[in-house]
PDB file of N, CA and C in Angstrom:
ATOM      1  N   MET A   1       0.848  -1.174   0.000  1.00  0.00           N
ATOM      2  CA  MET A   1       0.000   0.000   0.000  1.00  0.00           C
ATOM      3  C   MET A   1       0.893   1.236   0.000  1.00  0.00           C
ATOM      4  N   PRO A   2       0.726   2.154  -0.937  1.00  0.00           N
ATOM      5  CA  PRO A   2       1.558   3.348  -0.981  1.00  0.00           C
ATOM      6  C   PRO A   2       1.379   4.212   0.258  1.00  0.00           C
ATOM      7  N   ARG A   3       2.445   4.845   0.653  1.00  0.00           N
ATOM      8  CA  ARG A   3       2.410   5.776   1.772  1.00  0.00           C
ATOM      9  C   ARG A   3       2.360   7.181   1.214  1.00  0.00           C
ATOM     10  N   TYR A   4       1.598   8.029   1.854  1.00  0.00           N
ATOM     11  CA  TYR A   4       1.477   9.409   1.415  1.00  0.00           C
ATOM     12  C   TYR A   4       2.174  10.296   2.430  1.00  0.00           C
ATOM     13  N   TYR A   5       2.875  11.277   1.939  1.00  0.00           N
ATOM     14  CA  TYR A   5       3.724  12.097   2.782  1.00  0.00           C
ATOM     15  C   TYR A   5       3.171  13.508   2.892  1.00  0.00           C
ATOM     16  N   GLU A   6       3.164  14.032   4.115  1.00  0.00           N
ATOM     17  CA  GLU A   6       2.755  15.420   4.309  1.00  0.00           C
ATOM     18  C   GLU A   6       3.865  16.354   3.831  1.00  0.00           C
ATOM     19  N   ASP A   7       5.084  16.003   4.160  1.00  0.00           N
ATOM     20  CA  ASP A   7       6.240  16.767   3.707  1.00  0.00           C
ATOM     21  C   ASP A   7       7.003  15.911   2.714  1.00  0.00           C
ATOM     22  N   LYS A   8       7.657  16.587   1.763  1.00  0.00           N
ATOM     23  CA  LYS A   8       8.431  15.857   0.770  1.00  0.00           C
ATOM     24  C   LYS A   8       9.605  15.164   1.472  1.00  0.00           C
ATOM     25  N   PRO A   9       9.776  13.868   1.271  1.00  0.00           N
ATOM     26  CA  PRO A   9      10.894  13.173   1.903  1.00  0.00           C
ATOM     27  C   PRO A   9      12.227  13.644   1.329  1.00  0.00           C
ATOM     28  N   GLU A  10      13.281  13.455   2.095  1.00  0.00           N
ATOM     29  CA  GLU A  10      14.617  13.819   1.643  1.00  0.00           C
ATOM     30  C   GLU A  10      15.007  12.945   0.463  1.00  0.00           C
ATOM     31  N   GLY A  11      15.757  13.509  -0.463  1.00  0.00           N
ATOM     32  CA  GLY A  11      16.269  12.704  -1.561  1.00  0.00           C
ATOM     33  C   GLY A  11      15.664  13.031  -2.912  1.00  0.00           C
ATOM     34  N   GLY A  12      14.866  14.056  -3.024  1.00  0.00           N
ATOM     35  CA  GLY A  12      14.359  14.451  -4.326  1.00  0.00           C
ATOM     36  C   GLY A  12      12.882  14.198  -4.507  1.00  0.00           C
ATOM     37  N   ALA A  13      12.434  14.538  -5.688  1.00  0.00           N
ATOM     38  CA  ALA A  13      11.010  14.491  -5.999  1.00  0.00           C
ATOM     39  C   ALA A  13      10.453  13.073  -6.025  1.00  0.00           C
ATOM     40  N   CYS A  14      11.264  12.095  -6.349  1.00  0.00           N
ATOM     41  CA  CYS A  14      10.782  10.723  -6.493  1.00  0.00           C
ATOM     42  C   CYS A  14      11.112   9.858  -5.283  1.00  0.00           C
ATOM     43  N   ALA A  15      11.591  10.457  -4.214  1.00  0.00           N
ATOM     44  CA  ALA A  15      12.037   9.685  -3.050  1.00  0.00           C
ATOM     45  C   ALA A  15      10.904   8.899  -2.405  1.00  0.00           C
ATOM     46  N   GLY A  16       9.705   9.451  -2.372  1.00  0.00           N
ATOM     47  CA  GLY A  16       8.574   8.747  -1.769  1.00  0.00           C
ATOM     48  C   GLY A  16       8.206   7.499  -2.536  1.00  0.00           C
ATOM     49  N   VAL A  17       8.174   7.590  -3.852  1.00  0.00           N
ATOM     50  CA  VAL A  17       7.851   6.423  -4.682  1.00  0.00           C
ATOM     51  C   VAL A  17       8.972   5.391  -4.564  1.00  0.00           C
ATOM     52  N   LYS A  18      10.213   5.874  -4.510  1.00  0.00           N
ATOM     53  CA  LYS A  18      11.355   4.967  -4.372  1.00  0.00           C
ATOM     54  C   LYS A  18      11.275   4.203  -3.045  1.00  0.00           C
ATOM     55  N   GLU A  19      10.922   4.915  -1.985  1.00  0.00           N
ATOM     56  CA  GLU A  19      10.793   4.277  -0.680  1.00  0.00           C
ATOM     57  C   GLU A  19       9.662   3.248  -0.686  1.00  0.00           C
ATOM     58  N   ASP A  20       8.537   3.589  -1.311  1.00  0.00           N
ATOM     59  CA  ASP A  20       7.420   2.650  -1.416  1.00  0.00           C
ATOM     60  C   ASP A  20       7.814   1.411  -2.221  1.00  0.00           C
ATOM     61  N   LEU A  21       8.577   1.609  -3.293  1.00  0.00           N
ATOM     62  CA  LEU A  21       9.034   0.489  -4.111  1.00  0.00           C
ATOM     63  C   LEU A  21       9.938  -0.429  -3.291  1.00  0.00           C
ATOM     64  N   GLY A  22      10.852   0.165  -2.540  1.00  0.00           N
ATOM     65  CA  GLY A  22      11.732  -0.635  -1.695  1.00  0.00           C
ATOM     66  C   GLY A  22      10.963  -1.419  -0.650  1.00  0.00           C
ATOM     67  N   ALA A  23       9.992  -0.773  -0.008  1.00  0.00           N
ATOM     68  CA  ALA A  23       9.178  -1.448   1.003  1.00  0.00           C
ATOM     69  C   ALA A  23       8.367  -2.582   0.376  1.00  0.00           C
ATOM     70  N   CYS A  24       7.822  -2.340  -0.794  1.00  0.00           N
ATOM     71  CA  CYS A  24       7.049  -3.365  -1.501  1.00  0.00           C
ATOM     72  C   CYS A  24       7.927  -4.579  -1.798  1.00  0.00           C
ATOM     73  N   LEU A  25       9.131  -4.330  -2.284  1.00  0.00           N
ATOM     74  CA  LEU A  25      10.026  -5.438  -2.603  1.00  0.00           C
ATOM     75  C   LEU A  25      10.411  -6.231  -1.358  1.00  0.00           C
ATOM     76  N   LEU A  26      10.707  -5.521  -0.274  1.00  0.00           N
ATOM     77  CA  LEU A  26      11.108  -6.200   0.957  1.00  0.00           C
ATOM     78  C   LEU A  26       9.976  -7.021   1.569  1.00  0.00           C
ATOM     79  N   GLN A  27       8.731  -6.649   1.285  1.00  0.00           N
ATOM     80  CA  GLN A  27       7.582  -7.362   1.816  1.00  0.00           C
ATOM     81  C   GLN A  27       7.019  -8.389   0.836  1.00  0.00           C
ATOM     82  N   SER A  28       7.617  -8.495  -0.336  1.00  0.00           N
ATOM     83  CA  SER A  28       7.091  -9.407  -1.357  1.00  0.00           C
ATOM     84  C   SER A  28       7.401 -10.855  -1.006  1.00  0.00           C
ATOM     85  N   ASP A  29       6.569 -11.760  -1.519  1.00  0.00           N
ATOM     86  CA  ASP A  29       6.785 -13.196  -1.317  1.00  0.00           C
ATOM     87  C   ASP A  29       8.116 -13.628  -1.923  1.00  0.00           C
ATOM     88  N   CYS A  30       8.500 -12.970  -2.985  1.00  0.00           N
ATOM     89  CA  CYS A  30       9.748 -13.299  -3.662  1.00  0.00           C
ATOM     90  C   CYS A  30      10.941 -13.176  -2.701  1.00  0.00           C
ATOM     91  N   VAL A  31      10.952 -12.125  -1.901  1.00  0.00           N
ATOM     92  CA  VAL A  31      12.040 -11.912  -0.937  1.00  0.00           C
ATOM     93  C   VAL A  31      11.818 -12.745   0.318  1.00  0.00           C
ATOM     94  N   LEU A  32      10.612 -12.665   0.873  1.00  0.00           N
ATOM     95  CA  LEU A  32      10.349 -13.310   2.157  1.00  0.00           C
ATOM     96  C   LEU A  32      10.310 -14.830   2.083  1.00  0.00           C
ATOM     97  N   GLN A  33       9.670 -15.376   1.070  1.00  0.00           N
ATOM     98  CA  GLN A  33       9.496 -16.824   1.008  1.00  0.00           C
ATOM     99  C   GLN A  33      10.552 -17.508   0.150  1.00  0.00           C
ATOM    100  N   GLU A  34      10.918 -16.869  -0.947  1.00  0.00           N
ATOM    101  CA  GLU A  34      11.874 -17.498  -1.856  1.00  0.00           C
ATOM    102  C   GLU A  34      13.317 -17.140  -1.521  1.00  0.00           C
ATOM    103  N   GLY A  35      13.521 -16.106  -0.695  1.00  0.00           N
ATOM    104  CA  GLY A  35      14.866 -15.734  -0.253  1.00  0.00           C
ATOM    105  C   GLY A  35      15.721 -15.053  -1.304  1.00  0.00           C
ATOM    106  N   LYS A  36      15.083 -14.518  -2.326  1.00  0.00           N
ATOM    107  CA  LYS A  36      15.834 -13.831  -3.385  1.00  0.00           C
ATOM    108  C   LYS A  36      16.108 -12.393  -2.966  1.00  0.00           C
ATOM    109  N   SER A  37      17.046 -11.773  -3.663  1.00  0.00           N
ATOM    110  CA  SER A  37      17.361 -10.374  -3.374  1.00  0.00           C
ATOM    111  C   SER A  37      16.266  -9.476  -3.947  1.00  0.00           C
ATOM    112  N   PRO A  38      16.066  -8.282  -3.366  1.00  0.00           N
ATOM    113  CA  PRO A  38      15.084  -7.357  -3.915  1.00  0.00           C
ATOM    114  C   PRO A  38      15.364  -7.014  -5.381  1.00  0.00           C
ATOM    115  N   ARG A  39      16.625  -6.891  -5.729  1.00  0.00           N
ATOM    116  CA  ARG A  39      16.984  -6.596  -7.124  1.00  0.00           C
ATOM    117  C   ARG A  39      16.537  -7.718  -8.057  1.00  0.00           C
ATOM    118  N   GLN A  40      16.758  -8.953  -7.657  1.00  0.00           N
ATOM    119  CA  GLN A  40      16.346 -10.091  -8.469  1.00  0.00           C
ATOM    120  C   GLN A  40      14.824 -10.127  -8.603  1.00  0.00           C
ATOM    121  N   CYS A  41      14.128  -9.857  -7.513  1.00  0.00           N
ATOM    122  CA  CYS A  41      12.663  -9.850  -7.548  1.00  0.00           C
ATOM    123  C   CYS A  41      12.139  -8.744  -8.452  1.00  0.00           C
ATOM    124  N   LEU A  42      12.810  -7.600  -8.464  1.00  0.00           N
ATOM    125  CA  LEU A  42      12.416  -6.500  -9.334  1.00  0.00           C
ATOM    126  C   LEU A  42      12.559  -6.916 -10.793  1.00  0.00           C
ATOM    127  N   LYS A  43      13.647  -7.604 -11.100  1.00  0.00           N
ATOM    128  CA  LYS A  43      13.872  -8.084 -12.468  1.00  0.00           C
ATOM    129  C   LYS A  43      12.833  -9.124 -12.879  1.00  0.00           C
ATOM    130  N   GLU A  44      12.340  -9.877 -11.897  1.00  0.00           N
ATOM    131  CA  GLU A  44      11.351 -10.919 -12.185  1.00  0.00           C
ATOM    132  C   GLU A  44       9.926 -10.390 -12.231  1.00  0.00           C
ATOM    133  N   GLY A  45       9.736  -9.097 -11.935  1.00  0.00           N
ATOM    134  CA  GLY A  45       8.420  -8.504 -12.110  1.00  0.00           C
ATOM    135  C   GLY A  45       7.639  -8.208 -10.843  1.00  0.00           C
ATOM    136  N   SER A  46       8.264  -8.312  -9.680  1.00  0.00           N
ATOM    137  CA  SER A  46       7.556  -7.960  -8.449  1.00  0.00           C
ATOM    138  C   SER A  46       7.358  -6.444  -8.382  1.00  0.00           C
ATOM    139  N   CYS A  47       6.245  -6.032  -7.785  1.00  0.00           N
ATOM    140  CA  CYS A  47       5.933  -4.602  -7.558  1.00  0.00           C
ATOM    141  C   CYS A  47       5.952  -3.797  -8.862  1.00  0.00           C
ATOM    142  N   LYS A  48       5.373  -4.366  -9.883  1.00  0.00           N
ATOM    143  CA  LYS A  48       5.408  -3.783 -11.222  1.00  0.00           C
ATOM    144  C   LYS A  48       4.804  -2.375 -11.277  1.00  0.00           C
ATOM    145  N   ALA A  49       3.704  -2.149 -10.596  1.00  0.00           N
ATOM    146  CA  ALA A  49       3.044  -0.842 -10.649  1.00  0.00           C
ATOM    147  C   ALA A  49       3.922   0.246 -10.029  1.00  0.00           C
ATOM    148  N   LEU A  50       4.555  -0.056  -8.901  1.00  0.00           N
ATOM    149  CA  LEU A  50       5.432   0.926  -8.279  1.00  0.00           C
ATOM    150  C   LEU A  50       6.701   1.135  -9.091  1.00  0.00           C
ATOM    151  N   GLN A  51       7.183   0.084  -9.721  1.00  0.00           N
ATOM    152  CA  GLN A  51       8.352   0.221 -10.586  1.00  0.00           C
ATOM    153  C   GLN A  51       8.029   1.174 -11.744  1.00  0.00           C
ATOM    154  N   TYR A  52       6.854   1.013 -12.328  1.00  0.00           N
ATOM    155  CA  TYR A  52       6.427   1.874 -13.419  1.00  0.00           C
ATOM    156  C   TYR A  52       6.244   3.318 -12.938  1.00  0.00           C
ATOM    157  N   SER A  53       5.656   3.493 -11.757  1.00  0.00           N
ATOM    158  CA  SER A  53       5.465   4.837 -11.199  1.00  0.00           C
ATOM    159  C   SER A  53       6.804   5.521 -10.953  1.00  0.00           C
ATOM    160  N   PHE A  54       7.773   4.766 -10.438  1.00  0.00           N
ATOM    161  CA  PHE A  54       9.096   5.326 -10.188  1.00  0.00           C
ATOM    162  C   PHE A  54       9.766   5.718 -11.501  1.00  0.00           C
ATOM    163  N   PHE A  55       9.650   4.869 -12.517  1.00  0.00           N
ATOM    164  CA  PHE A  55      10.203   5.170 -13.840  1.00  0.00           C
ATOM    165  C   PHE A  55       9.582   6.439 -14.407  1.00  0.00           C
ATOM    166  N   GLU A  56       8.263   6.543 -14.336  1.00  0.00           N
ATOM    167  CA  GLU A  56       7.579   7.723 -14.862  1.00  0.00           C
ATOM    168  C   GLU A  56       7.968   8.984 -14.093  1.00  0.00           C
ATOM    169  N   CYS A  57       8.136   8.873 -12.785  1.00  0.00           N
ATOM    170  CA  CYS A  57       8.550  10.016 -11.977  1.00  0.00           C
ATOM    171  C   CYS A  57       9.936  10.481 -12.402  1.00  0.00           C
ATOM    172  N   LYS A  58      10.873   9.540 -12.535  1.00  0.00           N
ATOM    173  CA  LYS A  58      12.234   9.897 -12.946  1.00  0.00           C
ATOM    174  C   LYS A  58      12.237  10.481 -14.353  1.00  0.00           C
ATOM    175  N   ARG A  59      11.417   9.908 -15.235  1.00  0.00           N
ATOM    176  CA  ARG A  59      11.363  10.399 -16.614  1.00  0.00           C
ATOM    177  C   ARG A  59      10.814  11.820 -16.668  1.00  0.00           C
ATOM    178  N   SER A  60       9.872  12.128 -15.787  1.00  0.00           N
ATOM    179  CA  SER A  60       9.287  13.469 -15.775  1.00  0.00           C
ATOM    180  C   SER A  60      10.299  14.523 -15.320  1.00  0.00           C
ATOM    181  N   MET A  61      11.357  14.093 -14.656  1.00  0.00           N
ATOM    182  CA  MET A  61      12.395  15.010 -14.186  1.00  0.00           C
ATOM    183  C   MET A  61      13.389  15.364 -15.291  1.00  0.00           C
ATOM    184  N   MET A  62      13.406  14.572 -16.358  1.00  0.00           N
ATOM    185  CA  MET A  62      14.354  14.799 -17.453  1.00  0.00           C
ATOM    186  C   MET A  62      13.859  15.937 -18.344  1.00  0.00           C
ATOM    187  N   PRO A  63      14.781  16.743 -18.868  1.00  0.00           N
ATOM    188  CA  PRO A  63      14.357  17.791 -19.801  1.00  0.00           C
ATOM    189  C   PRO A  63      13.800  17.166 -21.074  1.00  0.00           C
ATOM    190  N   ASP A  64      12.869  17.839 -21.672  1.00  0.00           N
ATOM    191  CA  ASP A  64      12.219  17.336 -22.880  1.00  0.00           C
ATOM    192  C   ASP A  64      13.159  17.506 -24.065  1.00  0.00           C
ATOM    193  N   GLN A  65      13.740  16.430 -24.533  1.00  0.00           N
ATOM    194  CA  GLN A  65      14.722  16.481 -25.615  1.00  0.00           C
ATOM    195  C   GLN A  65      14.084  16.928 -26.929  1.00  0.00           C
ATOM    196  N   ASP A  66      12.864  16.492 -27.185  1.00  0.00           N
ATOM    197  CA  ASP A  66      12.211  16.851 -28.436  1.00  0.00           C
ATOM    198  C   ASP A  66      12.012  18.352 -28.543  1.00  0.00           C
ATOM    199  N   SER A  67      11.579  18.981 -27.471  1.00  0.00           N
ATOM    200  CA  SER A  67      11.321  20.413 -27.545  1.00  0.00           C
ATOM    201  C   SER A  67      12.616  21.191 -27.751  1.00  0.00           C
ATOM    202  N   GLU A  68      13.721  20.725 -27.176  1.00  0.00           N
ATOM    203  CA  GLU A  68      15.006  21.399 -27.379  1.00  0.00           C
ATOM    204  C   GLU A  68      15.437  21.287 -28.834  1.00  0.00           C
ATOM    205  N   GLU A  69      15.265  20.106 -29.429  1.00  0.00           N
ATOM    206  CA  GLU A  69      15.630  19.922 -30.824  1.00  0.00           C
ATOM    207  C   GLU A  69      14.739  20.768 -31.732  1.00  0.00           C
ATOM    208  N   GLU A  70      13.454  20.836 -31.412  1.00  0.00           N
ATOM    209  CA  GLU A  70      12.538  21.644 -32.210  1.00  0.00           C
ATOM    210  C   GLU A  70      12.918  23.117 -32.142  1.00  0.00           C
ATOM    211  N   LYS A  71      13.324  23.584 -30.967  1.00  0.00           N
ATOM    212  CA  LYS A  71      13.744  24.976 -30.833  1.00  0.00           C
ATOM    213  C   LYS A  71      14.956  25.255 -31.703  1.00  0.00           C
ATOM    214  N   ASP A  72      15.909  24.327 -31.728  1.00  0.00           N
ATOM    215  CA  ASP A  72      17.106  24.503 -32.548  1.00  0.00           C
ATOM    216  C   ASP A  72      16.748  24.544 -34.024  1.00  0.00           C
ATOM    217  N   ILE A  73      15.849  23.668 -34.446  1.00  0.00           N
ATOM    218  CA  ILE A  73      15.433  23.635 -35.849  1.00  0.00           C
ATOM    219  C   ILE A  73      14.685  24.916 -36.199  1.00  0.00           C
ATOM    220  N   ASP A  74      13.761  25.341 -35.335  1.00  0.00           N
ATOM    221  CA  ASP A  74      13.010  26.563 -35.591  1.00  0.00           C
ATOM    222  C   ASP A  74      13.939  27.767 -35.675  1.00  0.00           C
ATOM    223  N   THR A  75      14.929  27.829 -34.821  1.00  0.00           N
ATOM    224  CA  THR A  75      15.869  28.938 -34.830  1.00  0.00           C
ATOM    225  C   THR A  75      16.670  28.947 -36.125  1.00  0.00           C
ATOM    226  N   ALA A  76      17.110  27.749 -36.556  1.00  0.00           N
ATOM    227  CA  ALA A  76      17.904  27.667 -37.786  1.00  0.00           C
ATOM    228  C   ALA A  76      17.082  28.030 -39.004  1.00  0.00           C
ATOM    229  N   VAL A  77      15.832  27.608 -39.033  1.00  0.00           N
ATOM    230  CA  VAL A  77      14.977  27.856 -40.199  1.00  0.00           C
ATOM    231  C   VAL A  77      14.500  29.311 -40.227  1.00  0.00           C
ATOM    232  N   LEU A  78      14.146  29.850 -39.091  1.00  0.00           N
ATOM    233  CA  LEU A  78      13.568  31.194 -39.045  1.00  0.00           C
ATOM    234  C   LEU A  78      14.620  32.298 -38.925  1.00  0.00           C
ATOM    235  N   LYS A  79      15.863  31.932 -38.704  1.00  0.00           N
ATOM    236  CA  LYS A  79      16.912  32.919 -38.524  1.00  0.00           C
ATOM    237  C   LYS A  79      17.234  33.581 -39.870  1.00  0.00           C
ATOM    238  N   PRO A  80      17.131  34.927 -39.945  1.00  0.00           N
ATOM    239  CA  PRO A  80      17.461  35.597 -41.216  1.00  0.00           C
ATOM    240  C   PRO A  80      18.954  35.499 -41.508  1.00  0.00           C
ATOM    241  N   ARG A  81      19.274  35.478 -42.784  1.00  0.00           N
ATOM    242  CA  ARG A  81      20.678  35.359 -43.198  1.00  0.00           C
ATOM    243  C   ARG A  81      21.255  36.688 -43.563  1.00  0.00           C
TER     244      ARG A  81
END
């Protein structure tokens, strides 16, 4: 179950989702019953929804590469000679 934070946790914008993902992995049957590492369980598909949420959060932090390229193209095309 995701935890909701009143204050932003330390470690950046995605720290809360990262913490939830870690807690989910540590509580998964894969770790508790099968004795596998959290990393191995993540690779095998445990906590898929939180993994996707964490990926989307990190991706949203990246600058939009397409818009930067479009700006460069627009500048080159519209720039008078």
